[in-house]
Amino acid sequence: MTIIFGILAILIPVLVGSMVWKHFDRYCGRDDEAYINSLEHFLKKPSVTLLCGFALLWIGMALVFS
């Protein structure tokens, strides 16, 4: 059972990270072409995606190994 929970704890952050990456432009892009092409947008998009993914991975692994 621990193996199944471990696999889920790894896959859920990957799925959530891809959803955040896909929908980031809708929430933070403001439908502004100049903002979407800015450096601020390209730095914010991967950092928010990685932050969500690693936070969920940390929580999932803490739950699996507790």
N, C-alpha and C. Protein backbone atom coordinates (compact mmCIF):
# COMPACT_ATOMS: atom_id res chain seq x y z
N MET A 1 0.82 -1.19 0.00
CA MET A 1 0.00 0.00 0.00
C MET A 1 0.87 1.26 0.00
N THR A 2 2.00 1.19 0.69
CA THR A 2 2.91 2.34 0.73
C THR A 2 3.46 2.65 -0.66
N ILE A 3 3.70 1.62 -1.44
CA ILE A 3 4.22 1.82 -2.79
C ILE A 3 3.20 2.56 -3.66
N ILE A 4 1.93 2.19 -3.54
CA ILE A 4 0.88 2.85 -4.31
C ILE A 4 0.75 4.31 -3.90
N PHE A 5 0.77 4.56 -2.59
CA PHE A 5 0.69 5.95 -2.11
C PHE A 5 1.92 6.75 -2.53
N GLY A 6 3.08 6.12 -2.55
CA GLY A 6 4.29 6.79 -3.01
C GLY A 6 4.22 7.17 -4.47
N ILE A 7 3.71 6.27 -5.29
CA ILE A 7 3.56 6.57 -6.71
C ILE A 7 2.56 7.70 -6.91
N LEU A 8 1.45 7.67 -6.17
CA LEU A 8 0.48 8.76 -6.26
C LEU A 8 1.06 10.08 -5.77
N ALA A 9 1.88 10.02 -4.72
CA ALA A 9 2.50 11.25 -4.19
C ALA A 9 3.48 11.85 -5.19
N ILE A 10 4.01 11.05 -6.09
CA ILE A 10 4.90 11.57 -7.12
C ILE A 10 4.11 12.05 -8.34
N LEU A 11 3.07 11.33 -8.72
CA LEU A 11 2.32 11.68 -9.93
C LEU A 11 1.40 12.88 -9.76
N ILE A 12 0.82 13.05 -8.59
CA ILE A 12 -0.10 14.18 -8.39
C ILE A 12 0.59 15.52 -8.57
N PRO A 13 1.80 15.76 -8.01
CA PRO A 13 2.46 17.05 -8.28
C PRO A 13 2.80 17.27 -9.75
N VAL A 14 3.09 16.20 -10.46
CA VAL A 14 3.38 16.34 -11.89
C VAL A 14 2.12 16.78 -12.64
N LEU A 15 1.00 16.17 -12.32
CA LEU A 15 -0.26 16.54 -12.97
C LEU A 15 -0.69 17.96 -12.60
N VAL A 16 -0.57 18.31 -11.33
CA VAL A 16 -0.94 19.65 -10.90
C VAL A 16 0.00 20.68 -11.51
N GLY A 17 1.29 20.37 -11.59
CA GLY A 17 2.25 21.27 -12.21
C GLY A 17 1.95 21.52 -13.67
N SER A 18 1.55 20.48 -14.38
CA SER A 18 1.21 20.68 -15.80
C SER A 18 -0.08 21.48 -15.95
N MET A 19 -1.02 21.31 -15.02
CA MET A 19 -2.25 22.11 -15.07
C MET A 19 -1.95 23.57 -14.75
N VAL A 20 -1.07 23.81 -13.77
CA VAL A 20 -0.69 25.19 -13.45
C VAL A 20 0.00 25.83 -14.64
N TRP A 21 0.91 25.10 -15.29
CA TRP A 21 1.63 25.62 -16.45
C TRP A 21 0.65 25.96 -17.57
N LYS A 22 -0.32 25.08 -17.80
CA LYS A 22 -1.25 25.27 -18.89
C LYS A 22 -2.20 26.46 -18.65
N HIS A 23 -2.65 26.64 -17.42
CA HIS A 23 -3.65 27.66 -17.12
C HIS A 23 -3.05 28.93 -16.52
N PHE A 24 -1.74 29.03 -16.43
CA PHE A 24 -1.10 30.21 -15.84
C PHE A 24 -1.41 31.47 -16.63
N ASP A 25 -1.40 31.37 -17.94
CA ASP A 25 -1.63 32.55 -18.78
C ASP A 25 -3.04 33.10 -18.58
N ARG A 26 -3.99 32.23 -18.30
CA ARG A 26 -5.36 32.69 -18.10
C ARG A 26 -5.48 33.48 -16.80
N TYR A 27 -4.78 33.03 -15.75
CA TYR A 27 -4.91 33.69 -14.45
C TYR A 27 -3.98 34.89 -14.30
N CYS A 28 -2.76 34.77 -14.78
CA CYS A 28 -1.78 35.84 -14.57
C CYS A 28 -1.36 36.53 -15.86
N GLY A 29 -1.80 36.08 -17.00
CA GLY A 29 -1.39 36.68 -18.25
C GLY A 29 -2.15 37.93 -18.60
N ARG A 30 -3.32 38.05 -18.03
CA ARG A 30 -4.16 39.25 -18.23
C ARG A 30 -4.50 39.48 -19.69
N ASP A 31 -4.38 38.47 -20.52
CA ASP A 31 -4.66 38.57 -21.95
C ASP A 31 -3.93 39.75 -22.61
N ASP A 32 -2.78 40.07 -22.08
CA ASP A 32 -1.98 41.18 -22.62
C ASP A 32 -0.76 40.58 -23.31
N GLU A 33 -0.68 40.74 -24.60
CA GLU A 33 0.40 40.14 -25.38
C GLU A 33 1.77 40.68 -24.97
N ALA A 34 1.83 41.96 -24.62
CA ALA A 34 3.11 42.55 -24.20
C ALA A 34 3.56 41.97 -22.87
N TYR A 35 2.63 41.73 -21.95
CA TYR A 35 3.00 41.15 -20.66
C TYR A 35 3.41 39.68 -20.81
N ILE A 36 2.69 38.95 -21.65
CA ILE A 36 3.01 37.54 -21.85
C ILE A 36 4.40 37.37 -22.46
N ASN A 37 4.85 38.32 -23.26
CA ASN A 37 6.17 38.25 -23.87
C ASN A 37 7.26 38.90 -23.02
N SER A 38 6.94 39.33 -21.81
CA SER A 38 7.93 40.00 -20.97
C SER A 38 8.77 38.99 -20.18
N LEU A 39 9.90 39.46 -19.71
CA LEU A 39 10.78 38.62 -18.90
C LEU A 39 10.14 38.26 -17.57
N GLU A 40 9.37 39.19 -17.00
CA GLU A 40 8.71 38.93 -15.73
C GLU A 40 7.77 37.73 -15.83
N HIS A 41 7.05 37.65 -16.92
CA HIS A 41 6.13 36.53 -17.12
C HIS A 41 6.89 35.22 -17.27
N PHE A 42 7.98 35.22 -18.01
CA PHE A 42 8.74 34.00 -18.22
C PHE A 42 9.49 33.55 -16.97
N LEU A 43 9.76 34.45 -16.05
CA LEU A 43 10.35 34.06 -14.77
C LEU A 43 9.30 33.59 -13.78
N LYS A 44 8.13 34.21 -13.83
CA LYS A 44 7.08 33.89 -12.87
C LYS A 44 6.43 32.55 -13.18
N LYS A 45 6.25 32.24 -14.44
CA LYS A 45 5.55 31.00 -14.83
C LYS A 45 6.28 29.74 -14.35
N PRO A 46 7.57 29.57 -14.61
CA PRO A 46 8.23 28.35 -14.11
C PRO A 46 8.37 28.35 -12.59
N SER A 47 8.55 29.52 -11.99
CA SER A 47 8.73 29.53 -10.53
C SER A 47 7.45 29.15 -9.81
N VAL A 48 6.31 29.61 -10.28
CA VAL A 48 5.03 29.24 -9.65
C VAL A 48 4.75 27.76 -9.88
N THR A 49 5.06 27.27 -11.07
CA THR A 49 4.84 25.85 -11.37
C THR A 49 5.71 24.96 -10.49
N LEU A 50 6.98 25.30 -10.37
CA LEU A 50 7.89 24.51 -9.52
C LEU A 50 7.51 24.61 -8.05
N LEU A 51 7.10 25.77 -7.61
CA LEU A 51 6.70 25.93 -6.22
C LEU A 51 5.49 25.06 -5.88
N CYS A 52 4.50 25.06 -6.74
CA CYS A 52 3.32 24.20 -6.52
C CYS A 52 3.69 22.73 -6.55
N GLY A 53 4.48 22.36 -7.52
CA GLY A 53 4.88 20.95 -7.65
C GLY A 53 5.69 20.46 -6.47
N PHE A 54 6.70 21.23 -6.05
CA PHE A 54 7.53 20.79 -4.93
C PHE A 54 6.78 20.83 -3.60
N ALA A 55 5.87 21.78 -3.44
CA ALA A 55 5.07 21.82 -2.21
C ALA A 55 4.18 20.58 -2.11
N LEU A 56 3.53 20.23 -3.20
CA LEU A 56 2.69 19.02 -3.18
C LEU A 56 3.52 17.75 -3.03
N LEU A 57 4.69 17.72 -3.65
CA LEU A 57 5.57 16.57 -3.49
C LEU A 57 6.02 16.42 -2.06
N TRP A 58 6.37 17.52 -1.41
CA TRP A 58 6.82 17.51 -0.03
C TRP A 58 5.68 17.02 0.88
N ILE A 59 4.49 17.54 0.68
CA ILE A 59 3.35 17.13 1.50
C ILE A 59 3.04 15.66 1.27
N GLY A 60 3.05 15.24 0.01
CA GLY A 60 2.76 13.84 -0.29
C GLY A 60 3.77 12.88 0.28
N MET A 61 5.04 13.20 0.17
CA MET A 61 6.08 12.32 0.73
C MET A 61 6.04 12.32 2.25
N ALA A 62 5.71 13.45 2.86
CA ALA A 62 5.58 13.50 4.32
C ALA A 62 4.44 12.62 4.78
N LEU A 63 3.36 12.60 4.04
CA LEU A 63 2.23 11.74 4.40
C LEU A 63 2.54 10.26 4.17
N VAL A 64 3.27 9.95 3.11
CA VAL A 64 3.60 8.56 2.82
C VAL A 64 4.54 7.99 3.88
N PHE A 65 5.55 8.76 4.27
CA PHE A 65 6.56 8.23 5.18
C PHE A 65 6.28 8.51 6.65
N SER A 66 5.10 9.01 6.97
CA SER A 66 4.80 9.24 8.39
C SER A 66 4.07 8.06 8.99
